[in-house]
Each structure stands twice: as structure tokens, then as C-alpha cells.
Amino acid sequence: MAFVVPAEIGHAPYARPVMEYMAANFDFVQIVAFREKLFPRLSEDCWLLYAEGFGGQTDCFAFTPLERFSSLDAPPVFAVRAPLAEWRSWNCRLRPFLLPPEARALYRHAAEQDNVIRLGDAAKVSIGYVTGANDFFHLRPSDAQQRDIPEDLLIPAVRNGRTLEGRAITRSTVESWRKRDEPNFLLRLAADHELPDSVRRYLDSPQGRQARSTYKCRNRDPWYVVPDVTVPEAFLSYMSGRQPSLVANQAGCVATNSVHVVRPRSGWSVSDLQRGWALPLTQLSVELEGHPLGGGMLKLEPGEATRVLVATEPFASRADGGVVSDAIDTMKRWRHDA
């Protein structure tokens, strides 16, 4: 049998049972991957799934990465052998097999070194808060002033990854938001505090009545108290183009669930993590542990972020550095990063 399948079959958790079933029920299973889009007008990348010998089983997948599709009378003969045991060790992903064996071996060897850790071993990574009505709960300074909202009820907030520039968000960064009148200030209210009259008027305004009808707001009590608002030590971009940003929080900001919040564990600091974050091994790791979103974007879920390798020192070998550099270029080309 043969199917056109989403390229997510190479990395998505929901592809695992499909691939496990195929291996347990067919003598031969082949995935043919195309770097150039099979359907240029779709944002979705598509690959081909081919299987034969129903009733049998196999202990490996045949994986054929091709630059572009061309019509063939039979599946391509060339294939990378992807044993099930190795596929499972890659978190049931085929995307690592886009790399040559020496690059995969080097990455696995690096993961076992004393000077390399997983981000999750050095820090807690989680999503930010969910308001249920972002435009209502985030105010511009001019709006807050016009509505007479007390300044001590507003806290600067990172609303998306575009805000994460440079190595740190500082007080001058927040001041620039004020000067540009950005809607980057969260209305942070507590259930046990008396609300000022100006805030009550805002909550009862047409915008407030609309906000309280949203799913998240109507399912919490009181509806206007946004839960899980914390001030982390750093932020990590959720979706990115070239490379996810790890940015220190020097201004006491909070963040929405459009970015990740990072809290270093005992013995680690943000500067420690940032030094490793800039090294090529980590740049390759985010490509392997994250996944393409389309349009050249890379998405890094919290669980994926915790698996990212962070080295405390660069490769000593120039040859190893070259292998990693080539591997980074390969992974970026396959997610269409220009």
C-alpha cells in the first residue's frame, strides 16, 4: 500500500502508533521524504509512505530523503536504514535520519559527556499564563491612564517571541514599551483585594462583559484574576526562525503562553545557560528536539525544550565542529529556513 502523508510522520507524537503498527504488520516499510514541497501551494510538507508484505513484520524502516519529487514506476531503491531500536532512541522520530551517520553518532556521543546537560536538568521550562482575553487584560499606558487604572496593578509582560531581542529584557526595554505605548502591561488583580472603582468600571465595561464570556474567564472564579502569573528568571521563544532566543529577565516581567518561562535549578544561572545556548551543539539540538511548523519556523514545545543539549564548552576538534555546522545547515534547509 502507498499513501501521501503529512511530513509530521517524521516527528509528531501521534505518528508513533502508526509507525509501530506498520512495523508490526508489514515485511517492508519505506518513508520517502522530499525537501522541496510536494504540493507547492500548501503550507503542509508531505512525504510518501509505502509498505508491502502484509502479515509480516520488520525491525527497521527504509528512509529515503530526496531533494524533490519525480515520477517513478517503483519506490526509490536508495534508502537509509533506520532500525526500530534507534528510531525509538530518537524519541520515535525519523527527522534525525536526514543527517549522515557520523553526525548522528557525534550528537549521541556528545549527549553522554560530562560537560553536556539537557536543559531540563538545569532549568524548569513551562508555558506562561493564559488570560482568556489578551486584548482586555493587556493595556497600553495611555489606556490605563485614561481609565485611571492604578499603576501598581499593571505589570510589564512579554506577549510574544518578537519581544525577545538581545540577551536580556531590562528596565530600559520596558521603558521603551511605555514610550511606544505598547499593550504590554498586564492587569494583575487578586481575589482578596478590594478593587478600586476605576477597575470595577473597566471590568463592567462592554470590553469586560465580552471578556468574561470567553471560555477561560467564565470557568474561573473570580473571572478577572489571571492564574499562574509568575516572574521567571528568563524567557525562551516558543516559535522562531533562525534560532530560539534565551533571554534573561532583568525587569521583573511576566509572560503569556506564547513564550516559555525558564527557572534555573540550584547550581545554575541564566548566564550559565546562555553561554551554552550560543554554542553550535545547542543550535543543532534545537533543530533535532524541536520540529518544523511551516514557513521556515521552528517550534519548541516545553517537553522538547527540556531535551535540548546545552554544552558548557565548545568542541575542541575542528572536524567535530564542521560536522555539527553541516548538520545544522541540513536541518534548517529541510524546514525551509532561508
Protein backbone atom coordinates (compact mmCIF):
# COMPACT_ATOMS: atom_id res chain seq x y z
CA MET A 1 0.00 0.00 0.00
CA ALA A 2 1.07 3.61 -0.50
CA PHE A 3 -0.09 6.91 0.96
CA VAL A 4 0.72 10.58 0.76
CA VAL A 5 1.21 11.54 4.42
CA PRO A 6 1.98 14.75 6.31
CA ALA A 7 5.69 15.23 6.99
CA GLU A 8 4.72 15.16 10.68
CA ILE A 9 5.06 11.40 10.35
CA GLY A 10 8.76 12.13 10.82
CA HIS A 11 8.41 13.70 14.26
CA ALA A 12 4.87 14.04 15.69
CA PRO A 13 3.91 12.02 18.80
CA TYR A 14 0.68 10.90 17.10
CA ALA A 15 2.76 9.30 14.31
CA ARG A 16 4.37 6.82 16.72
CA PRO A 17 1.47 4.32 16.94
CA VAL A 18 1.07 4.45 13.16
CA MET A 19 4.72 3.63 12.58
CA GLU A 20 4.73 0.96 15.29
CA TYR A 21 1.70 -0.65 13.65
CA MET A 22 3.32 -0.58 10.23
CA ALA A 23 6.49 -2.26 11.54
CA ALA A 24 4.46 -4.93 13.33
CA ASN A 25 2.32 -5.80 10.30
CA PHE A 26 4.44 -5.41 7.16
CA ASP A 27 7.66 -7.01 5.90
CA PHE A 28 8.86 -3.72 4.43
CA VAL A 29 8.07 -0.11 5.37
CA GLN A 30 9.55 2.85 3.49
CA ILE A 31 9.20 6.58 4.02
CA VAL A 32 10.17 8.84 1.12
CA ALA A 33 10.84 12.42 2.22
CA PHE A 34 11.05 15.46 -0.07
CA ARG A 35 12.82 18.67 0.86
CA GLU A 36 11.00 20.70 -1.77
CA LYS A 37 7.25 20.82 -1.24
CA LEU A 38 5.28 18.04 -2.90
CA PHE A 39 2.36 20.50 -3.19
CA PRO A 40 3.88 24.00 -3.55
CA ARG A 41 0.61 25.82 -2.85
CA LEU A 42 0.12 24.14 0.52
CA SER A 43 1.87 25.15 3.72
CA GLU A 44 1.93 21.46 4.65
CA ASP A 45 5.01 19.42 3.77
CA CYS A 46 4.12 15.93 2.53
CA TRP A 47 6.06 12.67 2.33
CA LEU A 48 5.20 9.22 0.96
CA LEU A 49 4.57 6.06 2.97
CA TYR A 50 4.96 2.71 1.23
CA ALA A 51 4.56 -0.79 2.70
CA GLU A 52 4.41 -4.32 1.38
CA GLY A 53 4.21 -7.84 2.79
CA PHE A 54 1.13 -7.51 4.98
CA GLY A 55 1.08 -10.11 7.74
CA GLY A 56 4.81 -9.93 8.35
CA GLN A 57 6.93 -7.57 10.43
CA THR A 58 10.18 -5.65 10.22
CA ASP A 59 12.78 -4.39 12.66
CA CYS A 60 13.74 -1.32 10.62
CA PHE A 61 12.32 1.39 8.39
CA ALA A 62 13.70 2.31 4.99
CA PHE A 63 14.05 6.11 4.89
CA THR A 64 14.73 7.88 1.59
CA PRO A 65 15.35 11.65 1.75
CA LEU A 66 15.15 13.28 -1.69
CA GLU A 67 15.55 16.87 -2.81
CA ARG A 68 12.35 16.85 -4.87
CA PHE A 69 9.64 14.56 -6.21
CA SER A 70 9.94 12.88 -9.60
CA SER A 71 7.66 10.25 -11.08
CA LEU A 72 8.87 6.65 -10.62
CA ASP A 73 7.42 3.27 -11.52
CA ALA A 74 8.51 1.85 -8.15
CA PRO A 75 9.67 3.18 -4.78
CA PRO A 76 13.26 4.52 -4.78
CA VAL A 77 15.91 1.86 -4.26
CA PHE A 78 18.16 4.10 -2.18
CA ALA A 79 17.26 4.19 1.49
CA VAL A 80 18.83 4.90 4.85
CA ARG A 81 18.33 2.01 7.22
CA ALA A 82 16.53 3.20 10.36
CA PRO A 83 16.38 0.34 12.90
CA LEU A 84 13.36 0.50 15.21
CA ALA A 85 15.62 0.50 18.26
CA GLU A 86 17.50 3.56 17.02
CA TRP A 87 14.28 5.25 15.85
CA ARG A 88 12.86 4.80 19.36
CA SER A 89 16.05 6.17 20.90
CA TRP A 90 15.46 9.33 18.85
CA ASN A 91 12.10 9.74 20.57
CA CYS A 92 10.41 7.92 17.67
CA ARG A 93 11.50 10.49 15.10
CA LEU A 94 12.71 9.97 11.56
CA ARG A 95 13.99 13.53 11.09
CA PRO A 96 17.40 12.75 12.67
CA PHE A 97 17.97 10.28 9.81
CA LEU A 98 18.19 13.26 7.46
CA LEU A 99 21.71 13.57 8.87
CA PRO A 100 24.67 11.37 7.90
CA PRO A 101 25.63 8.58 10.35
CA GLU A 102 28.70 10.46 11.62
CA ALA A 103 26.57 13.45 12.63
CA ARG A 104 24.06 11.28 14.48
CA ALA A 105 26.88 9.38 16.20
CA LEU A 106 28.61 12.61 17.23
CA TYR A 107 25.39 14.01 18.67
CA ARG A 108 24.69 10.87 20.69
CA HIS A 109 28.29 10.81 21.91
CA ALA A 110 28.09 14.47 22.93
CA ALA A 111 24.91 13.78 24.93
CA GLU A 112 26.89 11.38 27.14
CA GLN A 113 29.71 13.81 28.01
CA ASP A 114 30.09 15.32 31.47
CA ASN A 115 30.22 18.87 30.06
CA VAL A 116 26.86 18.48 28.27
CA ILE A 117 23.49 18.54 30.01
CA ARG A 118 19.84 18.54 28.98
CA LEU A 119 18.16 21.90 29.52
CA GLY A 120 15.57 20.18 31.71
CA ASP A 121 18.32 19.05 34.09
CA ALA A 122 19.48 22.63 34.58
CA ALA A 123 16.18 24.52 34.49
CA LYS A 124 12.42 24.20 34.68
CA VAL A 125 10.70 25.12 31.42
CA SER A 126 6.97 25.80 31.23
CA ILE A 127 4.45 27.94 29.40
CA GLY A 128 3.37 31.34 30.63
CA TYR A 129 -0.08 32.37 31.84
CA VAL A 130 -3.35 32.20 29.90
CA THR A 131 -5.68 35.19 30.26
CA GLY A 132 -8.53 34.01 28.06
CA ALA A 133 -8.83 37.55 26.67
CA ASN A 134 -5.42 39.01 25.93
CA ASP A 135 -6.59 42.29 24.45
CA PHE A 136 -8.68 43.03 27.53
CA PHE A 137 -6.12 42.12 30.18
CA HIS A 138 -3.15 43.79 28.47
CA LEU A 139 -3.32 47.56 28.42
CA ARG A 140 -1.42 50.36 26.77
CA PRO A 141 -0.09 53.00 29.19
CA SER A 142 -2.36 55.58 27.54
CA ASP A 143 -5.43 53.35 28.06
CA ALA A 144 -4.55 52.75 31.70
CA GLN A 145 -4.09 56.47 32.28
CA GLN A 146 -7.36 57.33 30.55
CA ARG A 147 -9.24 54.75 32.63
CA ASP A 148 -7.45 55.78 35.82
CA ILE A 149 -6.10 52.26 36.41
CA PRO A 150 -3.56 52.35 39.28
CA GLU A 151 -0.03 51.74 38.05
CA ASP A 152 0.67 49.25 40.84
CA LEU A 153 -1.93 46.91 39.29
CA LEU A 154 -0.04 46.76 36.00
CA ILE A 155 2.99 44.54 35.42
CA PRO A 156 5.14 44.51 32.26
CA ALA A 157 4.53 41.41 30.16
CA VAL A 158 6.24 39.59 27.31
CA ARG A 159 3.38 38.80 24.93
CA ASN A 160 5.22 37.04 22.09
CA GLY A 161 8.61 35.92 20.88
CA ARG A 162 9.18 39.10 18.85
CA THR A 163 9.80 40.86 22.15
CA LEU A 164 12.75 38.59 22.92
CA GLU A 165 15.68 40.52 21.47
CA GLY A 166 19.23 40.62 22.77
CA ARG A 167 20.44 38.87 25.90
CA ALA A 168 18.11 40.49 28.41
CA ILE A 169 14.89 42.39 28.91
CA THR A 170 15.89 45.34 31.06
CA ARG A 171 14.15 48.29 32.67
CA SER A 172 15.12 50.36 29.65
CA THR A 173 13.36 47.77 27.45
CA VAL A 174 10.18 48.22 29.47
CA GLU A 175 10.57 51.99 29.32
CA SER A 176 10.74 51.76 25.53
CA TRP A 177 7.42 49.88 25.60
CA ARG A 178 5.94 52.76 27.60
CA LYS A 179 7.26 55.36 25.19
CA ARG A 180 5.83 53.46 22.21
CA ASP A 181 2.58 52.96 24.11
CA GLU A 182 2.73 49.19 23.61
CA PRO A 183 -0.09 47.00 25.06
CA ASN A 184 2.47 45.10 27.14
CA PHE A 185 1.13 45.70 30.65
CA LEU A 186 -0.92 43.00 32.36
CA LEU A 187 -3.80 43.97 34.61
CA ARG A 188 -2.94 41.81 37.61
CA LEU A 189 -5.74 41.58 40.15
CA ALA A 190 -6.06 39.48 43.29
CA ALA A 191 -9.22 37.85 44.62
CA ASP A 192 -8.65 39.01 48.20
CA HIS A 193 -8.01 42.69 47.42
CA GLU A 194 -10.62 45.43 47.25
CA LEU A 195 -10.97 46.67 43.69
CA PRO A 196 -10.73 50.41 43.01
CA ASP A 197 -13.82 51.99 41.47
CA SER A 198 -11.93 52.69 38.22
CA VAL A 199 -11.07 48.99 37.89
CA ARG A 200 -14.67 47.97 38.59
CA ARG A 201 -15.81 50.30 35.84
CA TYR A 202 -13.33 48.71 33.45
CA LEU A 203 -14.46 45.19 34.40
CA ASP A 204 -18.08 46.19 33.81
CA SER A 205 -17.35 47.94 30.50
CA PRO A 206 -18.51 46.41 27.18
CA GLN A 207 -14.99 45.02 26.74
CA GLY A 208 -15.17 43.49 30.21
CA ARG A 209 -18.55 41.88 29.60
CA GLN A 210 -17.20 40.40 26.38
CA ALA A 211 -14.04 39.13 28.10
CA ARG A 212 -15.92 37.41 30.95
CA SER A 213 -17.93 35.43 28.40
CA THR A 214 -14.83 33.71 26.98
CA TYR A 215 -14.22 30.08 27.92
CA LYS A 216 -11.25 30.62 30.25
CA CYS A 217 -12.78 33.58 32.05
CA ARG A 218 -16.20 32.09 32.67
CA ASN A 219 -14.62 28.93 34.09
CA ARG A 220 -12.63 30.61 36.85
CA ASP A 221 -13.71 32.44 39.97
CA PRO A 222 -13.32 35.35 40.07
CA TRP A 223 -13.12 35.63 36.32
CA TYR A 224 -10.82 38.66 36.34
CA VAL A 225 -7.95 37.00 38.29
CA VAL A 226 -5.44 35.60 35.79
CA PRO A 227 -3.85 32.45 37.29
CA ASP A 228 -0.23 31.25 37.16
CA VAL A 229 1.31 34.68 36.79
CA THR A 230 4.94 34.44 37.95
CA VAL A 231 8.17 36.32 37.38
CA PRO A 232 10.76 33.89 35.95
CA GLU A 233 14.50 34.40 35.62
CA ALA A 234 14.42 34.03 31.82
CA PHE A 235 12.26 33.54 28.74
CA LEU A 236 12.62 31.13 25.82
CA SER A 237 10.93 31.66 22.48
CA TYR A 238 8.26 29.11 21.58
CA MET A 239 8.46 29.61 17.81
CA SER A 240 11.41 31.03 15.93
CA GLY A 241 13.06 31.39 12.56
CA ARG A 242 16.82 31.18 12.81
CA GLN A 243 17.24 30.11 16.43
CA PRO A 244 15.16 30.14 19.65
CA SER A 245 16.14 33.01 21.94
CA LEU A 246 17.04 32.53 25.61
CA VAL A 247 16.67 35.95 27.21
CA ALA A 248 17.31 36.97 30.80
CA ASN A 249 14.53 38.73 32.71
CA GLN A 250 16.14 41.71 34.41
CA ALA A 251 12.99 43.82 34.55
CA GLY A 252 10.61 41.68 36.59
CA CYS A 253 8.40 40.87 33.60
CA VAL A 254 5.81 38.10 33.29
CA ALA A 255 4.90 36.23 30.10
CA THR A 256 1.92 34.81 28.24
CA ASN A 257 1.82 31.25 26.94
CA SER A 258 3.24 32.49 23.62
CA VAL A 259 6.70 32.09 25.14
CA HIS A 260 8.26 29.72 27.67
CA VAL A 261 9.31 30.76 31.15
CA VAL A 262 12.63 29.42 32.40
CA ARG A 263 13.70 28.96 36.02
CA PRO A 264 17.26 27.68 36.55
CA ARG A 265 17.69 24.90 39.08
CA SER A 266 20.04 25.08 42.04
CA GLY A 267 23.63 25.49 40.91
CA TRP A 268 22.75 27.05 37.56
CA SER A 269 22.28 30.64 36.45
CA VAL A 270 20.78 32.22 33.36
CA SER A 271 24.24 33.37 32.25
CA ASP A 272 25.48 29.76 32.52
CA LEU A 273 22.68 28.60 30.24
CA GLN A 274 23.13 31.47 27.81
CA ARG A 275 26.81 30.66 27.32
CA GLY A 276 25.90 27.12 26.31
CA TRP A 277 22.88 28.25 24.31
CA ALA A 278 25.09 30.10 21.84
CA LEU A 279 27.24 27.04 21.03
CA PRO A 280 26.75 25.04 17.80
CA LEU A 281 25.82 21.82 19.64
CA THR A 282 22.76 23.52 21.14
CA GLN A 283 21.86 25.05 17.78
CA LEU A 284 21.82 21.55 16.31
CA SER A 285 19.95 20.19 19.31
CA VAL A 286 17.05 22.62 18.99
CA GLU A 287 16.69 21.51 15.36
CA LEU A 288 16.59 17.84 16.35
CA GLU A 289 14.49 18.15 19.50
CA GLY A 290 12.13 20.81 18.12
CA HIS A 291 10.07 20.42 14.97
CA PRO A 292 9.23 22.42 11.82
CA LEU A 293 6.00 24.37 11.89
CA GLY A 294 5.87 25.54 8.27
CA GLY A 295 7.12 28.64 6.54
CA GLY A 296 10.62 28.07 7.89
CA MET A 297 9.52 28.27 11.51
CA LEU A 298 10.79 26.01 14.27
CA LYS A 299 8.54 25.15 17.21
CA LEU A 300 9.88 24.09 20.57
CA GLU A 301 7.29 22.60 22.92
CA PRO A 302 8.11 22.60 26.67
CA GLY A 303 8.88 18.87 26.63
CA GLU A 304 11.08 19.31 23.56
CA ALA A 305 12.89 22.24 25.18
CA THR A 306 13.81 20.17 28.23
CA ARG A 307 15.58 17.64 25.95
CA VAL A 308 17.80 20.25 24.26
CA LEU A 309 21.52 19.64 24.84
CA VAL A 310 23.45 22.52 26.39
CA ALA A 311 27.25 22.30 26.39
CA THR A 312 29.41 24.15 28.91
CA GLU A 313 32.32 24.42 26.44
CA PRO A 314 32.72 24.26 22.64
CA PHE A 315 34.05 21.31 20.65
CA ALA A 316 37.83 21.03 20.86
CA SER A 317 38.02 19.32 17.46
CA ARG A 318 37.67 21.42 14.33
CA ALA A 319 36.46 18.32 12.49
CA ASP A 320 33.65 17.78 15.00
CA GLY A 321 32.72 21.43 14.70
CA GLY A 322 32.49 21.06 10.92
CA VAL A 323 30.22 18.01 11.21
CA VAL A 324 27.89 19.90 13.55
CA SER A 325 27.87 23.00 11.34
CA ASP A 326 26.94 20.94 8.27
CA ALA A 327 24.24 19.14 10.27
CA ILE A 328 22.70 22.46 11.36
CA ASP A 329 22.59 23.63 7.74
CA THR A 330 20.93 20.38 6.68
CA MET A 331 18.20 20.55 9.30
CA LYS A 332 17.48 24.19 8.54
CA ARG A 333 17.25 23.51 4.81
CA TRP A 334 14.73 20.77 5.44
CA ARG A 335 12.48 23.11 7.41
CA HIS A 336 12.82 25.75 4.65
CA ASP A 337 14.75 28.28 6.68
CA ALA A 338 16.08 30.77 4.14
